Amino acid sequence: MYLKKLHQFDIDCNRLELEWKQVSFNLSNLQDSFMPFYNRINITYSNLQDKTSLVIETGQRTHYPNESFSISNIVEPFKNTYTEQVLHLVNNWFSEKNLRITKAKYAALESKQIVGTHTDKDYKIRYHIPILSADSCTMTINGISQPINEVGCIYSMPGMLPHSAENMSDHLRLLLSLDIAKI
């Protein structure tokens, strides 16, 4: 099994969903034409980026080194929010393992949609915390499909292996997606 459950956080997923909805609504005119059914909203930014750059992530994006991101660099719509509090809580958990959060974003996948098989070159392991999910929300990694449905639980997955995301539920699937680096 490639998708691993690591820890259950005591977080208010309804509150996180509400914050995501508020920011997402304000950015609704910035849909990604490449995958309009898959909305990614950055929470952190690179210290190499202009702070005023767009929050929404699209298919055409500049890749900045993972280490240049930090939870000290929170994009304006998420500054002083519950989302930022949760990132600090999760970062404290990672710091016990000599790790820190670098990139953080919300990843929303519409109902009955699939993000096709791909590999990610930017990181070895990515972490996901489901905020909204269902039994029919899965990740298929190296041909093995597993549910990613326990809200508030952090999962790890190897991003360098071929993987896809599926939401066959009748509702939106929303994750906090996190990359990390050594301290």
C-alpha atoms as a PDB file:
ATOM      1  CA  MET A   1       0.000   0.000   0.000  1.00  0.00           C
ATOM      2  CA  TYR A   2       1.425   3.333  -1.065  1.00  0.00           C
ATOM      3  CA  LEU A   3      -1.017   5.760   0.590  1.00  0.00           C
ATOM      4  CA  LYS A   4      -0.267   5.754   4.324  1.00  0.00           C
ATOM      5  CA  LYS A   5      -2.316   7.175   7.194  1.00  0.00           C
ATOM      6  CA  LEU A   6       0.026   8.909   9.616  1.00  0.00           C
ATOM      7  CA  HIS A   7      -1.925  10.881  12.202  1.00  0.00           C
ATOM      8  CA  GLN A   8      -5.428  12.101  13.025  1.00  0.00           C
ATOM      9  CA  PHE A   9      -5.610  15.825  13.790  1.00  0.00           C
ATOM     10  CA  ASP A  10      -8.362  17.360  15.910  1.00  0.00           C
ATOM     11  CA  ILE A  11      -9.320  20.123  13.485  1.00  0.00           C
ATOM     12  CA  ASP A  12     -12.592  21.759  12.471  1.00  0.00           C
ATOM     13  CA  CYS A  13     -12.920  20.697   8.836  1.00  0.00           C
ATOM     14  CA  ASN A  14     -16.199  22.612   8.439  1.00  0.00           C
ATOM     15  CA  ARG A  15     -14.396  25.840   9.323  1.00  0.00           C
ATOM     16  CA  LEU A  16     -11.601  25.062   6.846  1.00  0.00           C
ATOM     17  CA  GLU A  17     -14.171  24.353   4.142  1.00  0.00           C
ATOM     18  CA  LEU A  18     -15.875  27.681   4.818  1.00  0.00           C
ATOM     19  CA  GLU A  19     -12.578  29.587   4.532  1.00  0.00           C
ATOM     20  CA  TRP A  20     -11.756  27.752   1.298  1.00  0.00           C
ATOM     21  CA  LYS A  21     -15.229  28.574  -0.093  1.00  0.00           C
ATOM     22  CA  GLN A  22     -14.849  32.266   0.710  1.00  0.00           C
ATOM     23  CA  VAL A  23     -11.463  32.532  -1.006  1.00  0.00           C
ATOM     24  CA  SER A  24     -12.501  30.269  -3.889  1.00  0.00           C
ATOM     25  CA  PHE A  25     -15.627  32.370  -4.537  1.00  0.00           C
ATOM     26  CA  ASN A  26     -13.526  35.536  -4.725  1.00  0.00           C
ATOM     27  CA  LEU A  27     -11.197  33.834  -7.233  1.00  0.00           C
ATOM     28  CA  SER A  28     -13.882  32.098  -9.316  1.00  0.00           C
ATOM     29  CA  ASN A  29     -12.987  34.143 -12.409  1.00  0.00           C
ATOM     30  CA  LEU A  30      -9.453  32.672 -12.353  1.00  0.00           C
ATOM     31  CA  GLN A  31     -10.356  29.082 -13.284  1.00  0.00           C
ATOM     32  CA  ASP A  32      -7.632  26.874 -14.715  1.00  0.00           C
ATOM     33  CA  SER A  33      -8.550  26.292 -18.359  1.00  0.00           C
ATOM     34  CA  PHE A  34      -6.351  23.173 -18.403  1.00  0.00           C
ATOM     35  CA  MET A  35      -8.368  21.386 -15.671  1.00  0.00           C
ATOM     36  CA  PRO A  36     -11.426  23.492 -14.722  1.00  0.00           C
ATOM     37  CA  PHE A  37     -12.738  20.643 -12.517  1.00  0.00           C
ATOM     38  CA  TYR A  38      -9.581  20.680 -10.350  1.00  0.00           C
ATOM     39  CA  ASN A  39      -9.146  23.894  -8.352  1.00  0.00           C
ATOM     40  CA  ARG A  40      -5.825  24.489  -6.546  1.00  0.00           C
ATOM     41  CA  ILE A  41      -5.457  27.511  -4.292  1.00  0.00           C
ATOM     42  CA  ASN A  42      -2.042  28.245  -2.829  1.00  0.00           C
ATOM     43  CA  ILE A  43      -1.803  29.015   0.870  1.00  0.00           C
ATOM     44  CA  THR A  44       1.960  29.615   1.000  1.00  0.00           C
ATOM     45  CA  TYR A  45       4.233  31.349  -1.472  1.00  0.00           C
ATOM     46  CA  SER A  46       7.940  31.236  -2.293  1.00  0.00           C
ATOM     47  CA  ASN A  47      10.247  33.962  -1.001  1.00  0.00           C
ATOM     48  CA  LEU A  48      11.343  34.173  -4.671  1.00  0.00           C
ATOM     49  CA  GLN A  49       7.826  35.193  -5.761  1.00  0.00           C
ATOM     50  CA  ASP A  50       6.141  38.550  -5.747  1.00  0.00           C
ATOM     51  CA  LYS A  51       3.801  38.574  -2.747  1.00  0.00           C
ATOM     52  CA  THR A  52       1.048  39.996  -4.911  1.00  0.00           C
ATOM     53  CA  SER A  53       1.161  37.098  -7.401  1.00  0.00           C
ATOM     54  CA  LEU A  54      -2.040  35.171  -7.989  1.00  0.00           C
ATOM     55  CA  VAL A  55      -3.206  32.737  -5.359  1.00  0.00           C
ATOM     56  CA  ILE A  56      -4.745  30.235  -7.777  1.00  0.00           C
ATOM     57  CA  GLU A  57      -2.476  27.605  -9.290  1.00  0.00           C
ATOM     58  CA  THR A  58      -2.879  26.853 -12.988  1.00  0.00           C
ATOM     59  CA  GLY A  59      -1.407  24.375 -15.452  1.00  0.00           C
ATOM     60  CA  GLN A  60       1.134  26.990 -16.586  1.00  0.00           C
ATOM     61  CA  ARG A  61       3.080  27.773 -13.425  1.00  0.00           C
ATOM     62  CA  THR A  62       6.615  28.718 -12.547  1.00  0.00           C
ATOM     63  CA  HIS A  63       8.376  26.116 -10.447  1.00  0.00           C
ATOM     64  CA  TYR A  64      10.230  27.546  -7.470  1.00  0.00           C
ATOM     65  CA  PRO A  65      12.499  25.427  -5.254  1.00  0.00           C
ATOM     66  CA  ASN A  66      10.516  23.674  -2.519  1.00  0.00           C
ATOM     67  CA  GLU A  67      12.865  25.065   0.161  1.00  0.00           C
ATOM     68  CA  SER A  68      11.978  28.649  -0.828  1.00  0.00           C
ATOM     69  CA  PHE A  69       8.445  28.175   0.538  1.00  0.00           C
ATOM     70  CA  SER A  70       7.516  28.587   4.186  1.00  0.00           C
ATOM     71  CA  ILE A  71       4.443  28.823   6.388  1.00  0.00           C
ATOM     72  CA  SER A  72       5.800  32.241   7.318  1.00  0.00           C
ATOM     73  CA  ASN A  73       4.811  33.234   3.757  1.00  0.00           C
ATOM     74  CA  ILE A  74       1.013  32.952   3.881  1.00  0.00           C
ATOM     75  CA  VAL A  75      -0.900  34.460   0.971  1.00  0.00           C
ATOM     76  CA  GLU A  76      -3.066  37.412   1.991  1.00  0.00           C
ATOM     77  CA  PRO A  77      -6.512  35.734   1.853  1.00  0.00           C
ATOM     78  CA  PHE A  78      -5.360  33.132   4.411  1.00  0.00           C
ATOM     79  CA  LYS A  79      -3.399  35.421   6.753  1.00  0.00           C
ATOM     80  CA  ASN A  80      -4.670  35.331  10.346  1.00  0.00           C
ATOM     81  CA  THR A  81      -7.225  32.614   9.585  1.00  0.00           C
ATOM     82  CA  TYR A  82      -8.061  29.199  10.949  1.00  0.00           C
ATOM     83  CA  THR A  83      -6.285  27.731   7.907  1.00  0.00           C
ATOM     84  CA  GLU A  84      -3.062  29.398   9.078  1.00  0.00           C
ATOM     85  CA  GLN A  85      -3.631  28.064  12.623  1.00  0.00           C
ATOM     86  CA  VAL A  86      -4.056  24.533  11.285  1.00  0.00           C
ATOM     87  CA  LEU A  87      -0.866  24.831   9.221  1.00  0.00           C
ATOM     88  CA  HIS A  88       1.034  25.793  12.382  1.00  0.00           C
ATOM     89  CA  LEU A  89      -0.496  22.843  14.263  1.00  0.00           C
ATOM     90  CA  VAL A  90       0.520  20.414  11.494  1.00  0.00           C
ATOM     91  CA  ASN A  91       3.941  22.063  11.168  1.00  0.00           C
ATOM     92  CA  ASN A  92       4.536  21.503  14.909  1.00  0.00           C
ATOM     93  CA  TRP A  93       3.763  17.811  14.355  1.00  0.00           C
ATOM     94  CA  PHE A  94       6.258  17.705  11.456  1.00  0.00           C
ATOM     95  CA  SER A  95       8.900  19.599  13.466  1.00  0.00           C
ATOM     96  CA  GLU A  96       9.042  16.676  15.929  1.00  0.00           C
ATOM     97  CA  LYS A  97      10.380  14.705  12.939  1.00  0.00           C
ATOM     98  CA  ASN A  98      12.859  17.467  11.947  1.00  0.00           C
ATOM     99  CA  LEU A  99      10.657  18.471   9.023  1.00  0.00           C
ATOM    100  CA  ARG A 100       8.766  21.637   8.115  1.00  0.00           C
ATOM    101  CA  ILE A 101       5.922  22.535   5.782  1.00  0.00           C
ATOM    102  CA  THR A 102       6.987  24.365   2.653  1.00  0.00           C
ATOM    103  CA  LYS A 103       4.213  24.420   0.027  1.00  0.00           C
ATOM    104  CA  ALA A 104       0.614  24.321   1.201  1.00  0.00           C
ATOM    105  CA  LYS A 105      -2.503  24.538  -0.936  1.00  0.00           C
ATOM    106  CA  TYR A 106      -6.134  23.556  -1.071  1.00  0.00           C
ATOM    107  CA  ALA A 107      -6.914  21.042  -3.815  1.00  0.00           C
ATOM    108  CA  ALA A 108     -10.579  20.665  -4.758  1.00  0.00           C
ATOM    109  CA  LEU A 109     -11.767  17.977  -7.155  1.00  0.00           C
ATOM    110  CA  GLU A 110     -15.316  18.233  -8.462  1.00  0.00           C
ATOM    111  CA  SER A 111     -17.793  15.352  -8.228  1.00  0.00           C
ATOM    112  CA  LYS A 112     -17.393  12.495 -10.766  1.00  0.00           C
ATOM    113  CA  GLN A 113     -13.992  13.773 -11.924  1.00  0.00           C
ATOM    114  CA  ILE A 114     -10.526  12.282 -12.283  1.00  0.00           C
ATOM    115  CA  VAL A 115      -7.078  13.864 -12.319  1.00  0.00           C
ATOM    116  CA  GLY A 116      -5.306  11.591 -14.802  1.00  0.00           C
ATOM    117  CA  THR A 117      -2.225   9.521 -14.131  1.00  0.00           C
ATOM    118  CA  HIS A 118       0.926  11.588 -13.779  1.00  0.00           C
ATOM    119  CA  THR A 119       4.163  11.788 -11.805  1.00  0.00           C
ATOM    120  CA  ASP A 120       5.482  14.774  -9.906  1.00  0.00           C
ATOM    121  CA  LYS A 121       9.152  15.625 -10.159  1.00  0.00           C
ATOM    122  CA  ASP A 122       9.183  18.365  -7.493  1.00  0.00           C
ATOM    123  CA  TYR A 123       8.967  16.160  -4.413  1.00  0.00           C
ATOM    124  CA  LYS A 124       9.425  12.573  -3.260  1.00  0.00           C
ATOM    125  CA  ILE A 125       6.538  12.477  -0.806  1.00  0.00           C
ATOM    126  CA  ARG A 126       3.438  14.643  -0.655  1.00  0.00           C
ATOM    127  CA  TYR A 127       1.049  14.850   2.272  1.00  0.00           C
ATOM    128  CA  HIS A 128      -2.739  15.275   2.123  1.00  0.00           C
ATOM    129  CA  ILE A 129      -5.330  16.044   4.783  1.00  0.00           C
ATOM    130  CA  PRO A 130      -8.898  15.459   3.545  1.00  0.00           C
ATOM    131  CA  ILE A 131     -11.268  18.267   4.544  1.00  0.00           C
ATOM    132  CA  LEU A 132     -14.265  16.972   2.540  1.00  0.00           C
ATOM    133  CA  SER A 133     -14.195  13.407   1.298  1.00  0.00           C
ATOM    134  CA  ALA A 134     -16.163  10.180   0.840  1.00  0.00           C
ATOM    135  CA  ASP A 135     -15.473   6.461   0.464  1.00  0.00           C
ATOM    136  CA  SER A 136     -15.467   6.873  -3.320  1.00  0.00           C
ATOM    137  CA  CYS A 137     -12.641   9.445  -3.193  1.00  0.00           C
ATOM    138  CA  THR A 138      -9.483   7.524  -4.016  1.00  0.00           C
ATOM    139  CA  MET A 139      -5.861   7.851  -5.028  1.00  0.00           C
ATOM    140  CA  THR A 140      -4.479   5.281  -7.430  1.00  0.00           C
ATOM    141  CA  ILE A 141      -0.725   4.946  -6.987  1.00  0.00           C
ATOM    142  CA  ASN A 142       1.302   2.599  -9.173  1.00  0.00           C
ATOM    143  CA  GLY A 143      -1.954   0.873 -10.180  1.00  0.00           C
ATOM    144  CA  ILE A 144      -3.226   0.336  -6.617  1.00  0.00           C
ATOM    145  CA  SER A 145      -6.367   2.268  -5.658  1.00  0.00           C
ATOM    146  CA  GLN A 146      -6.902   3.305  -2.026  1.00  0.00           C
ATOM    147  CA  PRO A 147      -9.516   5.518  -0.355  1.00  0.00           C
ATOM    148  CA  ILE A 148      -8.445   8.934   0.941  1.00  0.00           C
ATOM    149  CA  ASN A 149     -11.566   9.535   2.978  1.00  0.00           C
ATOM    150  CA  GLU A 150     -10.777  10.141   6.650  1.00  0.00           C
ATOM    151  CA  VAL A 151     -11.218  13.869   7.208  1.00  0.00           C
ATOM    152  CA  GLY A 152      -8.583  15.430   9.447  1.00  0.00           C
ATOM    153  CA  CYS A 153      -6.183  12.499   8.940  1.00  0.00           C
ATOM    154  CA  ILE A 154      -2.814  13.153   7.316  1.00  0.00           C
ATOM    155  CA  TYR A 155      -1.814  10.755   4.540  1.00  0.00           C
ATOM    156  CA  SER A 156       1.548  10.415   2.798  1.00  0.00           C
ATOM    157  CA  MET A 157       2.028   9.346  -0.802  1.00  0.00           C
ATOM    158  CA  PRO A 158       5.047   8.909  -3.077  1.00  0.00           C
ATOM    159  CA  GLY A 159       4.650  11.608  -5.711  1.00  0.00           C
ATOM    160  CA  MET A 160       7.343  10.240  -7.999  1.00  0.00           C
ATOM    161  CA  LEU A 161       5.300   7.101  -8.725  1.00  0.00           C
ATOM    162  CA  PRO A 162       2.513   7.251 -11.333  1.00  0.00           C
ATOM    163  CA  HIS A 163      -0.662   8.360  -9.562  1.00  0.00           C
ATOM    164  CA  SER A 164      -4.149   9.717 -10.176  1.00  0.00           C
ATOM    165  CA  ALA A 165      -6.976  11.096  -8.055  1.00  0.00           C
ATOM    166  CA  GLU A 166     -10.594  10.047  -8.423  1.00  0.00           C
ATOM    167  CA  ASN A 167     -13.741  11.554  -6.948  1.00  0.00           C
ATOM    168  CA  MET A 168     -16.677   9.313  -7.838  1.00  0.00           C
ATOM    169  CA  SER A 169     -18.821  10.748  -5.038  1.00  0.00           C
ATOM    170  CA  ASP A 170     -21.736  13.132  -5.515  1.00  0.00           C
ATOM    171  CA  HIS A 171     -19.861  15.889  -3.675  1.00  0.00           C
ATOM    172  CA  LEU A 172     -16.704  17.964  -3.931  1.00  0.00           C
ATOM    173  CA  ARG A 173     -13.493  16.461  -2.534  1.00  0.00           C
ATOM    174  CA  LEU A 174     -11.295  19.010  -0.737  1.00  0.00           C
ATOM    175  CA  LEU A 175      -7.768  18.367   0.552  1.00  0.00           C
ATOM    176  CA  LEU A 176      -5.033  20.338   2.230  1.00  0.00           C
ATOM    177  CA  SER A 177      -1.998  19.368   0.159  1.00  0.00           C
ATOM    178  CA  LEU A 178       1.431  19.790   1.769  1.00  0.00           C
ATOM    179  CA  ASP A 179       5.061  19.489   0.744  1.00  0.00           C
ATOM    180  CA  ILE A 180       7.832  19.360   3.325  1.00  0.00           C
ATOM    181  CA  ALA A 181      11.572  19.853   3.695  1.00  0.00           C
ATOM    182  CA  LYS A 182      14.129  18.967   6.367  1.00  0.00           C
ATOM    183  CA  ILE A 183      14.713  21.589   9.038  1.00  0.00           C
END
